[in-house]
């Protein structure tokens, strides 16, 4: 069963053109799960919710931005995934439930269920993933330790080296967005790339 997951650092959902673009992409490609980062929305307007939900049978959870920083929206196709619990923080949205015919409630504790974590972690794994700014070695080691202790595999990027830029003449570039997979997820879906 193929799974289509879209994650997009939208750098602000302030313009309606981005809403239309997101809804059109969702309608055309039919992803099972959509994760928007850096929405910069303290509240998700009802008009946006109608537009994006009309693009399929979906549910939505959001974590509000604080001022102009952050903001997350996660949408999932109810025909694919049935949520039993949604945990929301300023930095993450965790959705626990069932992929149709596959129990997912204890995915972090079980070795036999393949799983994937994707998003903007605001951390990077080594100094080569950041250009133009200083870095904190302790944070790099902390993120590496988390990945190792959880038994995760960092899915390499197939095109490009960075996922964020400050868009200046002398840019700062960082690889912040990534997918972390359990090894059995990779065995089940060996042709994944990002």
N, C-alpha and C. Protein backbone atom coordinates (compact mmCIF):
# COMPACT_ATOMS: atom_id res chain seq x y z
N UNK A 1 0.85 -1.18 0.00
CA UNK A 1 0.00 0.00 0.00
C UNK A 1 0.89 1.24 0.00
N UNK A 2 0.92 2.05 -1.05
CA UNK A 2 1.77 3.23 -1.07
C UNK A 2 1.23 4.31 -0.14
N UNK A 3 2.13 5.00 0.51
CA UNK A 3 1.78 6.09 1.41
C UNK A 3 2.36 7.37 0.80
N UNK A 4 1.54 8.41 0.71
CA UNK A 4 2.03 9.69 0.20
C UNK A 4 1.95 10.71 1.32
N UNK A 5 3.11 11.23 1.69
CA UNK A 5 3.24 12.20 2.77
C UNK A 5 3.84 13.47 2.20
N UNK A 6 3.21 14.62 2.46
CA UNK A 6 3.72 15.91 2.01
C UNK A 6 4.10 16.72 3.23
N UNK A 7 5.31 17.24 3.26
CA UNK A 7 5.71 18.18 4.29
C UNK A 7 6.23 19.42 3.57
N UNK A 8 5.79 20.59 4.04
CA UNK A 8 6.10 21.83 3.32
C UNK A 8 6.32 22.95 4.33
N UNK A 9 7.52 23.54 4.31
CA UNK A 9 7.80 24.74 5.10
C UNK A 9 7.29 25.91 4.27
N UNK A 10 6.08 26.38 4.59
CA UNK A 10 5.40 27.37 3.74
C UNK A 10 5.91 28.79 3.95
N UNK A 11 6.69 29.01 5.01
CA UNK A 11 7.23 30.34 5.31
C UNK A 11 6.13 31.39 5.36
N UNK A 12 5.02 31.03 5.95
CA UNK A 12 3.90 31.95 6.13
C UNK A 12 2.75 31.64 5.20
N UNK A 13 1.56 31.53 5.79
CA UNK A 13 0.34 31.30 5.01
C UNK A 13 -0.48 32.59 4.95
N UNK A 14 0.20 33.72 4.91
CA UNK A 14 -0.51 35.00 4.93
C UNK A 14 -1.24 35.33 3.65
N UNK A 15 -0.79 34.80 2.52
CA UNK A 15 -1.42 35.15 1.24
C UNK A 15 -2.36 34.03 0.79
N UNK A 16 -3.52 34.41 0.30
CA UNK A 16 -4.51 33.44 -0.16
C UNK A 16 -4.00 32.61 -1.33
N UNK A 17 -3.04 33.13 -2.09
CA UNK A 17 -2.48 32.36 -3.21
C UNK A 17 -1.82 31.08 -2.70
N UNK A 18 -1.17 31.16 -1.53
CA UNK A 18 -0.55 29.96 -0.95
C UNK A 18 -1.63 28.97 -0.51
N UNK A 19 -2.74 29.48 0.02
CA UNK A 19 -3.84 28.59 0.41
C UNK A 19 -4.33 27.82 -0.80
N UNK A 20 -4.55 28.55 -1.91
CA UNK A 20 -5.06 27.92 -3.13
C UNK A 20 -4.05 26.91 -3.67
N UNK A 21 -2.77 27.27 -3.64
CA UNK A 21 -1.72 26.37 -4.11
C UNK A 21 -1.69 25.08 -3.29
N UNK A 22 -1.80 25.22 -1.97
CA UNK A 22 -1.79 24.05 -1.08
C UNK A 22 -3.02 23.17 -1.33
N UNK A 23 -4.18 23.79 -1.47
CA UNK A 23 -5.41 23.03 -1.70
C UNK A 23 -5.37 22.33 -3.06
N UNK A 24 -4.87 23.02 -4.08
CA UNK A 24 -4.78 22.42 -5.42
C UNK A 24 -3.81 21.26 -5.43
N UNK A 25 -2.66 21.41 -4.75
CA UNK A 25 -1.69 20.32 -4.68
C UNK A 25 -2.31 19.11 -3.99
N UNK A 26 -3.01 19.37 -2.88
CA UNK A 26 -3.63 18.27 -2.13
C UNK A 26 -4.68 17.57 -2.99
N UNK A 27 -5.50 18.34 -3.68
CA UNK A 27 -6.54 17.77 -4.52
C UNK A 27 -5.94 16.95 -5.66
N UNK A 28 -4.89 17.47 -6.29
CA UNK A 28 -4.30 16.83 -7.46
C UNK A 28 -3.53 15.56 -7.11
N UNK A 29 -2.77 15.59 -6.00
CA UNK A 29 -1.87 14.49 -5.66
C UNK A 29 -2.40 13.54 -4.61
N UNK A 30 -3.40 13.97 -3.84
CA UNK A 30 -4.04 13.10 -2.86
C UNK A 30 -3.14 12.53 -1.78
N UNK A 31 -2.29 13.37 -1.13
CA UNK A 31 -1.46 12.80 -0.06
C UNK A 31 -2.31 12.32 1.11
N UNK A 32 -1.82 11.28 1.79
CA UNK A 32 -2.52 10.74 2.95
C UNK A 32 -2.36 11.65 4.16
N UNK A 33 -1.18 12.26 4.28
CA UNK A 33 -0.86 13.15 5.40
C UNK A 33 -0.15 14.37 4.84
N UNK A 34 -0.53 15.56 5.34
CA UNK A 34 0.11 16.81 4.93
C UNK A 34 0.55 17.54 6.19
N UNK A 35 1.81 17.97 6.23
CA UNK A 35 2.35 18.71 7.36
C UNK A 35 2.89 20.05 6.86
N UNK A 36 2.31 21.13 7.33
CA UNK A 36 2.79 22.48 6.99
C UNK A 36 3.54 23.03 8.20
N UNK A 37 4.76 23.51 7.97
CA UNK A 37 5.53 24.14 9.03
C UNK A 37 5.66 25.64 8.75
N UNK A 38 5.95 26.38 9.83
CA UNK A 38 6.17 27.84 9.73
C UNK A 38 4.99 28.53 9.06
N UNK A 39 3.76 28.21 9.51
CA UNK A 39 2.57 28.84 8.92
C UNK A 39 2.46 30.30 9.30
N UNK A 40 3.04 30.67 10.44
CA UNK A 40 2.98 32.03 10.98
C UNK A 40 1.54 32.47 11.25
N UNK A 41 0.65 31.50 11.49
CA UNK A 41 -0.76 31.78 11.79
C UNK A 41 -1.02 31.51 13.28
N UNK A 42 -1.53 32.51 13.98
CA UNK A 42 -1.93 32.29 15.37
C UNK A 42 -3.25 31.54 15.42
N UNK A 43 -4.10 31.75 14.41
CA UNK A 43 -5.34 31.00 14.25
C UNK A 43 -5.46 30.63 12.78
N UNK A 44 -6.10 29.49 12.51
CA UNK A 44 -6.30 29.08 11.13
C UNK A 44 -7.68 29.58 10.71
N UNK A 45 -7.74 30.53 9.77
CA UNK A 45 -9.03 31.09 9.36
C UNK A 45 -9.99 30.01 8.83
N UNK A 46 -11.27 30.20 9.12
CA UNK A 46 -12.29 29.25 8.67
C UNK A 46 -12.28 29.11 7.15
N UNK A 47 -12.00 30.21 6.44
CA UNK A 47 -11.98 30.15 4.97
C UNK A 47 -10.85 29.24 4.48
N UNK A 48 -9.69 29.27 5.15
CA UNK A 48 -8.60 28.37 4.79
C UNK A 48 -9.00 26.92 5.08
N UNK A 49 -9.61 26.69 6.24
CA UNK A 49 -10.03 25.33 6.60
C UNK A 49 -11.00 24.77 5.58
N UNK A 50 -11.96 25.59 5.15
CA UNK A 50 -12.92 25.12 4.13
C UNK A 50 -12.20 24.79 2.83
N UNK A 51 -11.29 25.66 2.41
CA UNK A 51 -10.59 25.46 1.13
C UNK A 51 -9.76 24.18 1.17
N UNK A 52 -9.00 23.97 2.23
CA UNK A 52 -8.11 22.80 2.29
C UNK A 52 -8.90 21.53 2.54
N UNK A 53 -9.98 21.60 3.33
CA UNK A 53 -10.79 20.41 3.58
C UNK A 53 -11.60 20.01 2.37
N UNK A 54 -11.98 20.97 1.54
CA UNK A 54 -12.70 20.65 0.31
C UNK A 54 -11.82 19.89 -0.66
N UNK A 55 -10.54 19.86 -0.39
CA UNK A 55 -9.60 19.15 -1.26
C UNK A 55 -9.52 17.68 -0.89
N UNK A 56 -10.48 17.16 -0.14
CA UNK A 56 -10.48 15.74 0.23
C UNK A 56 -11.16 15.52 1.56
N UNK A 57 -11.30 14.28 1.96
CA UNK A 57 -11.92 13.91 3.22
C UNK A 57 -10.87 13.96 4.31
N UNK A 58 -10.67 15.13 4.93
CA UNK A 58 -9.56 15.23 5.87
C UNK A 58 -9.96 15.87 7.19
N UNK A 59 -9.14 15.58 8.18
CA UNK A 59 -9.20 16.19 9.50
C UNK A 59 -7.98 17.07 9.64
N UNK A 60 -8.02 17.98 10.62
CA UNK A 60 -6.93 18.93 10.76
C UNK A 60 -6.61 19.17 12.23
N UNK A 61 -5.32 19.36 12.52
CA UNK A 61 -4.87 19.81 13.83
C UNK A 61 -3.86 20.93 13.58
N UNK A 62 -3.82 21.91 14.48
CA UNK A 62 -2.83 22.97 14.30
C UNK A 62 -2.27 23.42 15.64
N UNK A 63 -1.01 23.84 15.59
CA UNK A 63 -0.34 24.47 16.72
C UNK A 63 -0.10 25.92 16.31
N UNK A 64 -0.61 26.88 17.06
CA UNK A 64 -0.52 28.27 16.64
C UNK A 64 0.91 28.81 16.68
N UNK A 65 1.15 29.79 15.82
CA UNK A 65 2.41 30.52 15.85
C UNK A 65 2.41 31.42 17.08
N UNK A 66 3.60 31.79 17.49
CA UNK A 66 3.75 32.77 18.56
C UNK A 66 4.28 34.03 17.90
N UNK A 67 3.41 35.01 17.74
CA UNK A 67 3.76 36.19 16.95
C UNK A 67 3.94 35.77 15.51
N UNK A 68 5.14 36.02 14.97
CA UNK A 68 5.40 35.63 13.59
C UNK A 68 6.32 34.41 13.52
N UNK A 69 6.46 33.69 14.62
CA UNK A 69 7.36 32.53 14.64
C UNK A 69 6.56 31.24 14.78
N UNK A 70 6.93 30.25 13.96
CA UNK A 70 6.35 28.92 14.09
C UNK A 70 4.99 28.79 13.44
N UNK A 71 4.22 27.88 14.00
CA UNK A 71 2.90 27.55 13.47
C UNK A 71 2.95 26.27 12.67
N UNK A 72 2.10 25.30 13.04
CA UNK A 72 2.06 24.00 12.38
C UNK A 72 0.62 23.67 12.03
N UNK A 73 0.43 23.04 10.88
CA UNK A 73 -0.86 22.48 10.50
C UNK A 73 -0.60 21.07 9.99
N UNK A 74 -1.35 20.11 10.50
CA UNK A 74 -1.28 18.74 10.00
C UNK A 74 -2.68 18.32 9.56
N UNK A 75 -2.76 17.78 8.37
CA UNK A 75 -4.02 17.28 7.81
C UNK A 75 -3.83 15.79 7.52
N UNK A 76 -4.87 15.01 7.73
CA UNK A 76 -4.78 13.60 7.38
C UNK A 76 -6.09 13.14 6.76
N UNK A 77 -5.96 12.22 5.84
CA UNK A 77 -7.08 11.65 5.11
C UNK A 77 -7.77 10.62 6.01
N UNK A 78 -9.03 10.87 6.35
CA UNK A 78 -9.76 9.95 7.24
C UNK A 78 -10.00 8.59 6.61
N UNK A 79 -9.94 8.49 5.30
CA UNK A 79 -10.09 7.19 4.65
C UNK A 79 -8.81 6.36 4.77
N UNK A 80 -7.72 7.00 5.20
CA UNK A 80 -6.42 6.34 5.35
C UNK A 80 -6.06 6.15 6.82
N UNK A 81 -6.35 7.17 7.62
CA UNK A 81 -5.89 7.19 9.01
C UNK A 81 -7.01 7.68 9.92
N UNK A 82 -7.30 6.94 10.99
CA UNK A 82 -8.30 7.36 11.96
C UNK A 82 -7.61 7.71 13.27
N UNK A 83 -7.68 8.99 13.64
CA UNK A 83 -7.00 9.46 14.85
C UNK A 83 -7.82 9.13 16.08
N UNK A 84 -7.13 8.66 17.12
CA UNK A 84 -7.79 8.43 18.40
C UNK A 84 -7.34 9.46 19.43
N UNK A 85 -6.20 10.11 19.18
CA UNK A 85 -5.68 11.11 20.11
C UNK A 85 -4.77 12.06 19.34
N UNK A 86 -4.88 13.35 19.63
CA UNK A 86 -4.02 14.36 19.00
C UNK A 86 -3.37 15.14 20.12
N UNK A 87 -2.03 15.15 20.12
CA UNK A 87 -1.26 15.90 21.12
C UNK A 87 -0.62 17.09 20.41
N UNK A 88 -0.85 18.28 20.95
CA UNK A 88 -0.38 19.50 20.30
C UNK A 88 0.50 20.29 21.26
N UNK A 89 1.66 20.69 20.76
CA UNK A 89 2.57 21.56 21.48
C UNK A 89 2.95 22.68 20.51
N UNK A 90 3.64 23.68 20.99
CA UNK A 90 4.10 24.74 20.10
C UNK A 90 5.10 24.24 19.08
N UNK A 91 5.77 23.11 19.36
CA UNK A 91 6.82 22.62 18.48
C UNK A 91 6.47 21.34 17.73
N UNK A 92 5.36 20.69 18.08
CA UNK A 92 5.02 19.46 17.38
C UNK A 92 3.52 19.18 17.45
N UNK A 93 3.08 18.34 16.55
CA UNK A 93 1.73 17.77 16.57
C UNK A 93 1.93 16.26 16.46
N UNK A 94 1.47 15.53 17.43
CA UNK A 94 1.55 14.06 17.39
C UNK A 94 0.13 13.52 17.26
N UNK A 95 -0.09 12.70 16.25
CA UNK A 95 -1.40 12.13 16.01
C UNK A 95 -1.30 10.62 16.19
N UNK A 96 -2.08 10.11 17.13
CA UNK A 96 -2.05 8.68 17.45
C UNK A 96 -3.37 8.07 16.99
N UNK A 97 -3.29 6.94 16.36
CA UNK A 97 -4.51 6.31 15.89
C UNK A 97 -4.21 5.07 15.09
N UNK A 98 -5.04 4.82 14.09
CA UNK A 98 -4.90 3.63 13.29
C UNK A 98 -4.84 3.96 11.82
N UNK A 99 -3.80 3.44 11.17
CA UNK A 99 -3.85 3.39 9.72
C UNK A 99 -4.82 2.26 9.45
N UNK A 100 -5.72 2.44 8.55
CA UNK A 100 -6.74 1.43 8.31
C UNK A 100 -6.07 0.05 8.19
N UNK A 101 -6.52 -0.87 9.04
CA UNK A 101 -6.03 -2.24 9.16
C UNK A 101 -4.65 -2.36 9.80
N UNK A 102 -4.05 -1.28 10.25
CA UNK A 102 -2.74 -1.37 10.92
C UNK A 102 -2.76 -0.55 12.20
N UNK A 103 -2.65 -1.20 13.34
CA UNK A 103 -2.64 -0.50 14.62
C UNK A 103 -1.38 0.36 14.72
N UNK A 104 -1.55 1.60 15.16
CA UNK A 104 -0.43 2.53 15.20
C UNK A 104 -0.26 3.17 16.57
N UNK A 105 -1.06 2.77 17.56
CA UNK A 105 -1.11 3.50 18.83
C UNK A 105 0.18 3.42 19.64
N UNK A 106 0.94 2.36 19.53
CA UNK A 106 2.18 2.24 20.31
C UNK A 106 3.40 2.17 19.40
N UNK A 107 3.40 2.94 18.34
CA UNK A 107 4.44 2.79 17.31
C UNK A 107 5.84 3.07 17.83
N UNK A 108 6.02 3.93 18.80
CA UNK A 108 7.36 4.21 19.30
C UNK A 108 7.90 3.08 20.18
N UNK A 109 7.02 2.27 20.75
CA UNK A 109 7.44 1.21 21.67
C UNK A 109 7.55 -0.14 21.00
N UNK A 110 7.12 -0.28 19.78
CA UNK A 110 7.06 -1.57 19.13
C UNK A 110 8.08 -1.68 18.01
N UNK A 111 8.78 -2.81 17.99
CA UNK A 111 9.76 -3.06 16.93
C UNK A 111 9.12 -3.57 15.65
N UNK A 112 7.89 -4.07 15.74
CA UNK A 112 7.30 -4.70 14.56
C UNK A 112 6.42 -3.76 13.73
N UNK A 113 6.22 -2.52 14.17
CA UNK A 113 5.41 -1.56 13.42
C UNK A 113 6.33 -0.53 12.77
N UNK A 114 6.33 -0.43 11.45
CA UNK A 114 7.17 0.58 10.79
C UNK A 114 6.62 1.99 11.02
N UNK A 115 7.52 2.96 11.29
CA UNK A 115 7.05 4.32 11.51
C UNK A 115 8.04 5.35 10.98
N UNK A 116 7.53 6.58 10.86
CA UNK A 116 8.27 7.68 10.26
C UNK A 116 7.94 8.97 11.00
N UNK A 117 8.95 9.78 11.29
CA UNK A 117 8.75 11.12 11.87
C UNK A 117 9.32 12.10 10.86
N UNK A 118 8.54 13.08 10.46
CA UNK A 118 9.03 14.06 9.50
C UNK A 118 8.67 15.46 9.92
N UNK A 119 9.53 16.41 9.57
CA UNK A 119 9.20 17.80 9.85
C UNK A 119 10.41 18.68 9.97
N UNK A 120 10.17 19.87 10.49
CA UNK A 120 11.21 20.88 10.73
C UNK A 120 11.67 20.70 12.17
N UNK A 121 12.83 20.07 12.36
CA UNK A 121 13.31 19.77 13.70
C UNK A 121 14.05 20.93 14.35
N UNK A 122 14.43 21.94 13.56
CA UNK A 122 15.22 23.07 14.04
C UNK A 122 16.55 22.61 14.64
N UNK A 123 17.01 21.45 14.24
CA UNK A 123 18.32 20.92 14.60
C UNK A 123 18.93 20.32 13.35
N UNK A 124 20.24 20.20 13.34
CA UNK A 124 20.91 19.54 12.23
C UNK A 124 21.92 18.56 12.80
N UNK A 125 22.43 17.65 11.95
CA UNK A 125 23.22 16.52 12.44
C UNK A 125 24.72 16.72 12.40
N UNK A 126 25.21 17.56 11.50
CA UNK A 126 26.65 17.82 11.48
C UNK A 126 26.90 19.21 10.92
N UNK A 127 28.08 19.77 11.20
CA UNK A 127 28.37 21.15 10.80
C UNK A 127 28.26 21.40 9.30
N UNK A 128 28.41 20.38 8.46
CA UNK A 128 28.31 20.59 7.01
C UNK A 128 26.87 20.88 6.57
N UNK A 129 25.91 20.68 7.47
CA UNK A 129 24.51 20.95 7.14
C UNK A 129 24.11 22.40 7.44
N UNK A 130 25.09 23.24 7.76
CA UNK A 130 24.81 24.64 8.07
C UNK A 130 25.91 25.51 7.49
N UNK A 131 25.51 26.52 6.72
CA UNK A 131 26.47 27.44 6.09
C UNK A 131 26.04 28.86 6.42
N UNK A 132 27.02 29.68 6.84
CA UNK A 132 26.76 31.10 7.03
C UNK A 132 26.37 31.51 8.43
N UNK A 133 26.30 30.59 9.37
CA UNK A 133 25.97 30.92 10.76
C UNK A 133 26.80 30.03 11.67
N UNK A 134 26.93 30.46 12.93
CA UNK A 134 27.64 29.62 13.89
C UNK A 134 26.75 28.44 14.27
N UNK A 135 27.33 27.45 14.94
CA UNK A 135 26.54 26.29 15.35
C UNK A 135 26.92 25.89 16.76
N UNK A 136 26.03 25.14 17.39
CA UNK A 136 26.21 24.68 18.76
C UNK A 136 26.47 23.17 18.72
N UNK A 137 27.71 22.78 19.02
CA UNK A 137 28.09 21.37 18.98
C UNK A 137 27.29 20.51 19.96
N UNK A 138 26.91 21.08 21.11
CA UNK A 138 26.13 20.32 22.09
C UNK A 138 24.76 19.96 21.52
N UNK A 139 24.15 20.89 20.77
CA UNK A 139 22.85 20.60 20.17
C UNK A 139 22.97 19.52 19.09
N UNK A 140 24.04 19.57 18.31
CA UNK A 140 24.28 18.54 17.30
C UNK A 140 24.37 17.18 17.97
N UNK A 141 25.16 17.09 19.03
CA UNK A 141 25.34 15.82 19.74
C UNK A 141 24.02 15.34 20.37
N UNK A 142 23.22 16.27 20.90
CA UNK A 142 21.95 15.91 21.50
C UNK A 142 21.00 15.31 20.44
N UNK A 143 20.95 15.92 19.26
CA UNK A 143 20.08 15.42 18.19
C UNK A 143 20.58 14.07 17.69
N UNK A 144 21.90 13.93 17.52
CA UNK A 144 22.47 12.63 17.11
C UNK A 144 22.13 11.54 18.12
N UNK A 145 22.24 11.86 19.41
CA UNK A 145 21.96 10.89 20.46
C UNK A 145 20.48 10.48 20.42
N UNK A 146 19.58 11.46 20.24
CA UNK A 146 18.16 11.14 20.13
C UNK A 146 17.92 10.16 18.99
N UNK A 147 18.48 10.43 17.82
CA UNK A 147 18.28 9.57 16.65
C UNK A 147 18.83 8.17 16.91
N UNK A 148 20.02 8.11 17.50
CA UNK A 148 20.65 6.82 17.79
C UNK A 148 19.86 6.04 18.84
N UNK A 149 19.49 6.69 19.94
CA UNK A 149 18.76 6.01 21.01
C UNK A 149 17.40 5.50 20.56
N UNK A 150 16.76 6.24 19.65
CA UNK A 150 15.45 5.83 19.16
C UNK A 150 15.56 4.81 18.03
N UNK A 151 16.79 4.50 17.59
CA UNK A 151 16.98 3.54 16.52
C UNK A 151 16.47 4.05 15.18
N UNK A 152 16.60 5.35 14.94
CA UNK A 152 16.09 5.96 13.72
C UNK A 152 17.14 6.00 12.62
N UNK A 153 16.67 6.08 11.40
CA UNK A 153 17.51 6.26 10.22
C UNK A 153 17.14 7.60 9.61
N UNK A 154 18.14 8.44 9.37
CA UNK A 154 17.91 9.73 8.73
C UNK A 154 17.88 9.51 7.22
N UNK A 155 16.72 9.74 6.60
CA UNK A 155 16.57 9.53 5.16
C UNK A 155 17.36 10.61 4.42
N UNK A 156 18.38 10.24 3.64
CA UNK A 156 19.19 11.25 2.96
C UNK A 156 18.39 12.00 1.90
N UNK A 157 18.81 13.23 1.65
CA UNK A 157 18.17 14.03 0.61
C UNK A 157 18.72 13.60 -0.75
N UNK A 158 17.83 13.49 -1.73
CA UNK A 158 18.26 13.07 -3.06
C UNK A 158 18.65 14.25 -3.94
N UNK A 159 18.19 15.45 -3.58
CA UNK A 159 18.48 16.62 -4.41
C UNK A 159 18.65 17.82 -3.49
N UNK A 160 19.80 18.44 -3.52
CA UNK A 160 20.05 19.59 -2.67
C UNK A 160 20.64 19.18 -1.34
N UNK A 161 21.14 20.17 -0.62
CA UNK A 161 21.77 19.91 0.67
C UNK A 161 21.09 20.62 1.82
N UNK A 162 20.28 21.65 1.52
CA UNK A 162 19.70 22.48 2.55
C UNK A 162 18.19 22.61 2.36
N UNK A 163 17.47 22.82 3.47
CA UNK A 163 16.01 22.96 3.39
C UNK A 163 15.53 24.33 3.84
N UNK A 164 16.44 25.20 4.30
CA UNK A 164 16.06 26.53 4.75
C UNK A 164 17.13 27.53 4.33
N UNK A 165 16.66 28.73 3.98
CA UNK A 165 17.56 29.84 3.66
C UNK A 165 16.94 31.12 4.19
N UNK A 166 17.79 32.07 4.59
CA UNK A 166 17.26 33.36 5.03
C UNK A 166 17.05 34.32 3.85
N UNK A 167 17.32 33.84 2.63
CA UNK A 167 17.08 34.61 1.39
C UNK A 167 17.77 35.97 1.36
N UNK A 168 18.98 36.03 1.85
CA UNK A 168 19.75 37.26 1.79
C UNK A 168 20.81 37.14 0.70
N UNK A 169 21.44 38.28 0.37
CA UNK A 169 22.49 38.26 -0.66
C UNK A 169 23.62 37.31 -0.29
N UNK A 170 23.98 37.30 0.97
CA UNK A 170 24.97 36.34 1.49
C UNK A 170 24.20 35.39 2.41
N UNK A 171 23.61 34.33 1.83
CA UNK A 171 22.62 33.55 2.57
C UNK A 171 23.20 32.63 3.64
N UNK A 172 22.38 32.40 4.64
CA UNK A 172 22.60 31.33 5.60
C UNK A 172 21.74 30.17 5.13
N UNK A 173 22.32 28.98 5.11
CA UNK A 173 21.63 27.79 4.63
C UNK A 173 21.73 26.70 5.69
N UNK A 174 20.63 25.97 5.91
CA UNK A 174 20.61 24.92 6.92
C UNK A 174 19.72 23.77 6.46
N UNK A 175 20.10 22.55 6.83
CA UNK A 175 19.27 21.36 6.60
C UNK A 175 18.52 21.08 7.90
N UNK A 176 17.29 21.61 8.01
CA UNK A 176 16.49 21.45 9.23
C UNK A 176 15.35 20.45 9.06
N UNK A 177 14.80 20.37 7.86
CA UNK A 177 13.64 19.51 7.59
C UNK A 177 14.14 18.13 7.16
N UNK A 178 13.59 17.10 7.75
CA UNK A 178 14.04 15.75 7.41
C UNK A 178 13.00 14.72 7.80
N UNK A 179 13.20 13.49 7.33
CA UNK A 179 12.39 12.35 7.73
C UNK A 179 13.29 11.38 8.47
N UNK A 180 12.83 10.93 9.63
CA UNK A 180 13.53 9.93 10.43
C UNK A 180 12.65 8.69 10.45
N UNK A 181 13.25 7.55 10.09
CA UNK A 181 12.48 6.32 9.89
C UNK A 181 12.98 5.20 10.79
N UNK A 182 12.06 4.32 11.18
CA UNK A 182 12.50 3.09 11.83
C UNK A 182 13.07 2.18 10.73
N UNK A 183 13.98 1.29 11.11
CA UNK A 183 14.60 0.44 10.10
C UNK A 183 13.58 -0.46 9.41
N UNK A 184 12.54 -0.91 10.15
CA UNK A 184 11.55 -1.76 9.50
C UNK A 184 10.63 -0.96 8.57
N UNK A 185 10.50 0.36 8.77
CA UNK A 185 9.77 1.21 7.82
C UNK A 185 10.53 1.22 6.50
N UNK A 186 11.86 1.35 6.59
CA UNK A 186 12.69 1.34 5.39
C UNK A 186 12.64 0.00 4.67
N UNK A 187 12.58 -1.09 5.44
CA UNK A 187 12.46 -2.41 4.80
C UNK A 187 11.13 -2.56 4.09
N UNK A 188 10.08 -1.99 4.67
CA UNK A 188 8.74 -2.11 4.09
C UNK A 188 8.58 -1.21 2.86
N UNK A 189 9.26 -0.05 2.87
CA UNK A 189 9.17 0.92 1.79
C UNK A 189 10.59 1.29 1.32
N UNK A 190 11.29 0.37 0.66
CA UNK A 190 12.72 0.57 0.35
C UNK A 190 13.00 1.63 -0.72
N UNK A 191 12.00 2.06 -1.47
CA UNK A 191 12.28 3.02 -2.56
C UNK A 191 12.01 4.46 -2.15
N UNK A 192 11.96 4.74 -0.85
CA UNK A 192 11.73 6.11 -0.38
C UNK A 192 12.89 7.02 -0.69
N UNK A 193 12.58 8.26 -0.96
CA UNK A 193 13.60 9.31 -1.09
C UNK A 193 12.98 10.63 -0.74
N UNK A 194 13.82 11.61 -0.45
CA UNK A 194 13.32 12.97 -0.21
C UNK A 194 14.18 13.96 -0.95
